[in-house]
Amino acid sequence: MTEDKCIFPRCPKCEKGYLLPFSYKEDVFEKWKCSNSECNFVVQKR
């Protein structure tokens, strides 16, 4: 079993990438985007 050392949560959609904070003129933790280039999953805090 490999231990996951990333502090960011796994993407619930693809389970391959991680949810990373994404900010553009907003609160830093307002949007979270999947780091997997094949997945376009986005979570919004609101």
N, C-alpha and C. Protein backbone atom coordinates (compact mmCIF):
# COMPACT_ATOMS: atom_id res chain seq x y z
N MET A 1 0.85 -1.18 0.00
CA MET A 1 0.00 0.00 0.00
C MET A 1 0.89 1.24 0.00
N THR A 2 0.62 2.15 -0.92
CA THR A 2 1.41 3.38 -0.97
C THR A 2 0.72 4.45 -0.16
N GLU A 3 1.51 5.23 0.54
CA GLU A 3 0.96 6.29 1.36
C GLU A 3 0.90 7.58 0.55
N ASP A 4 -0.24 8.25 0.59
CA ASP A 4 -0.44 9.48 -0.15
C ASP A 4 0.07 10.64 0.69
N LYS A 5 1.09 11.36 0.20
CA LYS A 5 1.72 12.43 0.97
C LYS A 5 1.18 13.82 0.61
N CYS A 6 0.24 13.91 -0.31
CA CYS A 6 -0.30 15.20 -0.73
C CYS A 6 -1.25 15.75 0.34
N ILE A 7 -1.16 17.06 0.62
CA ILE A 7 -2.03 17.66 1.63
C ILE A 7 -3.40 18.03 1.07
N PHE A 8 -3.52 18.00 -0.26
CA PHE A 8 -4.80 18.36 -0.88
C PHE A 8 -5.67 17.11 -1.05
N PRO A 9 -7.00 17.29 -1.00
CA PRO A 9 -7.90 16.13 -1.13
C PRO A 9 -7.95 15.59 -2.55
N ARG A 10 -8.20 14.29 -2.66
CA ARG A 10 -8.36 13.65 -3.97
C ARG A 10 -9.63 14.14 -4.63
N CYS A 11 -9.62 14.19 -5.95
CA CYS A 11 -10.80 14.58 -6.71
C CYS A 11 -11.85 13.48 -6.60
N PRO A 12 -13.07 13.82 -6.16
CA PRO A 12 -14.12 12.80 -6.02
C PRO A 12 -14.66 12.29 -7.36
N LYS A 13 -14.42 13.04 -8.43
CA LYS A 13 -14.93 12.65 -9.74
C LYS A 13 -14.03 11.62 -10.42
N CYS A 14 -12.74 11.95 -10.59
CA CYS A 14 -11.84 11.06 -11.32
C CYS A 14 -10.95 10.22 -10.41
N GLU A 15 -10.75 10.67 -9.17
CA GLU A 15 -9.90 9.99 -8.18
C GLU A 15 -8.45 9.82 -8.63
N LYS A 16 -8.04 10.58 -9.64
CA LYS A 16 -6.65 10.53 -10.11
C LYS A 16 -5.91 11.81 -9.74
N GLY A 17 -6.62 12.93 -9.79
CA GLY A 17 -6.01 14.22 -9.48
C GLY A 17 -6.33 14.67 -8.08
N TYR A 18 -5.89 15.87 -7.77
CA TYR A 18 -6.13 16.48 -6.47
C TYR A 18 -6.88 17.78 -6.66
N LEU A 19 -7.69 18.15 -5.66
CA LEU A 19 -8.39 19.42 -5.70
C LEU A 19 -7.45 20.50 -5.20
N LEU A 20 -7.12 21.45 -6.08
CA LEU A 20 -6.19 22.52 -5.76
C LEU A 20 -6.92 23.85 -5.73
N PRO A 21 -6.58 24.74 -4.78
CA PRO A 21 -7.22 26.06 -4.75
C PRO A 21 -6.91 26.84 -6.00
N PHE A 22 -7.92 27.47 -6.55
CA PHE A 22 -7.77 28.25 -7.77
C PHE A 22 -8.38 29.62 -7.52
N SER A 23 -7.63 30.65 -7.78
CA SER A 23 -8.13 31.99 -7.49
C SER A 23 -7.86 32.93 -8.65
N TYR A 24 -8.86 33.68 -9.01
CA TYR A 24 -8.70 34.77 -9.97
C TYR A 24 -9.68 35.86 -9.55
N LYS A 25 -9.15 36.88 -8.88
CA LYS A 25 -9.97 37.99 -8.35
C LYS A 25 -11.00 37.51 -7.34
N GLU A 26 -10.71 36.45 -6.62
CA GLU A 26 -11.63 35.92 -5.63
C GLU A 26 -10.85 35.48 -4.40
N ASP A 27 -11.56 35.05 -3.40
CA ASP A 27 -10.94 34.44 -2.23
C ASP A 27 -10.13 33.24 -2.69
N VAL A 28 -8.95 33.03 -2.14
CA VAL A 28 -8.06 31.95 -2.59
C VAL A 28 -8.74 30.58 -2.54
N PHE A 29 -9.55 30.34 -1.52
CA PHE A 29 -10.17 29.03 -1.36
C PHE A 29 -11.63 29.02 -1.83
N GLU A 30 -11.99 29.94 -2.71
CA GLU A 30 -13.36 30.01 -3.23
C GLU A 30 -13.65 28.89 -4.23
N LYS A 31 -12.69 28.63 -5.12
CA LYS A 31 -12.85 27.58 -6.13
C LYS A 31 -11.74 26.56 -5.98
N TRP A 32 -12.09 25.32 -6.20
CA TRP A 32 -11.10 24.23 -6.18
C TRP A 32 -11.21 23.50 -7.51
N LYS A 33 -10.09 23.31 -8.20
CA LYS A 33 -10.08 22.65 -9.49
C LYS A 33 -9.23 21.38 -9.40
N CYS A 34 -9.63 20.38 -10.17
CA CYS A 34 -8.88 19.13 -10.22
C CYS A 34 -7.56 19.35 -10.96
N SER A 35 -6.50 18.74 -10.44
CA SER A 35 -5.18 18.89 -11.05
C SER A 35 -4.98 17.98 -12.26
N ASN A 36 -5.87 17.02 -12.45
CA ASN A 36 -5.79 16.11 -13.58
C ASN A 36 -6.23 16.85 -14.85
N SER A 37 -5.37 16.89 -15.85
CA SER A 37 -5.68 17.64 -17.07
C SER A 37 -6.86 17.06 -17.85
N GLU A 38 -7.18 15.80 -17.64
CA GLU A 38 -8.30 15.17 -18.35
C GLU A 38 -9.63 15.40 -17.65
N CYS A 39 -9.58 15.88 -16.42
CA CYS A 39 -10.79 16.10 -15.63
C CYS A 39 -11.04 17.60 -15.51
N ASN A 40 -12.28 18.02 -15.63
CA ASN A 40 -12.59 19.45 -15.51
C ASN A 40 -13.46 19.74 -14.31
N PHE A 41 -13.34 18.94 -13.26
CA PHE A 41 -14.16 19.07 -12.05
C PHE A 41 -13.78 20.33 -11.28
N VAL A 42 -14.78 21.10 -10.86
CA VAL A 42 -14.58 22.33 -10.07
C VAL A 42 -15.57 22.32 -8.91
N VAL A 43 -15.07 22.66 -7.73
CA VAL A 43 -15.93 22.80 -6.55
C VAL A 43 -15.92 24.26 -6.15
N GLN A 44 -17.12 24.81 -5.90
CA GLN A 44 -17.20 26.20 -5.43
C GLN A 44 -17.71 26.19 -3.99
N LYS A 45 -17.11 27.04 -3.18
CA LYS A 45 -17.39 27.09 -1.75
C LYS A 45 -18.81 27.56 -1.45
N ARG A 46 -19.36 28.37 -2.32
CA ARG A 46 -20.69 28.96 -2.04
C ARG A 46 -21.79 27.97 -2.18
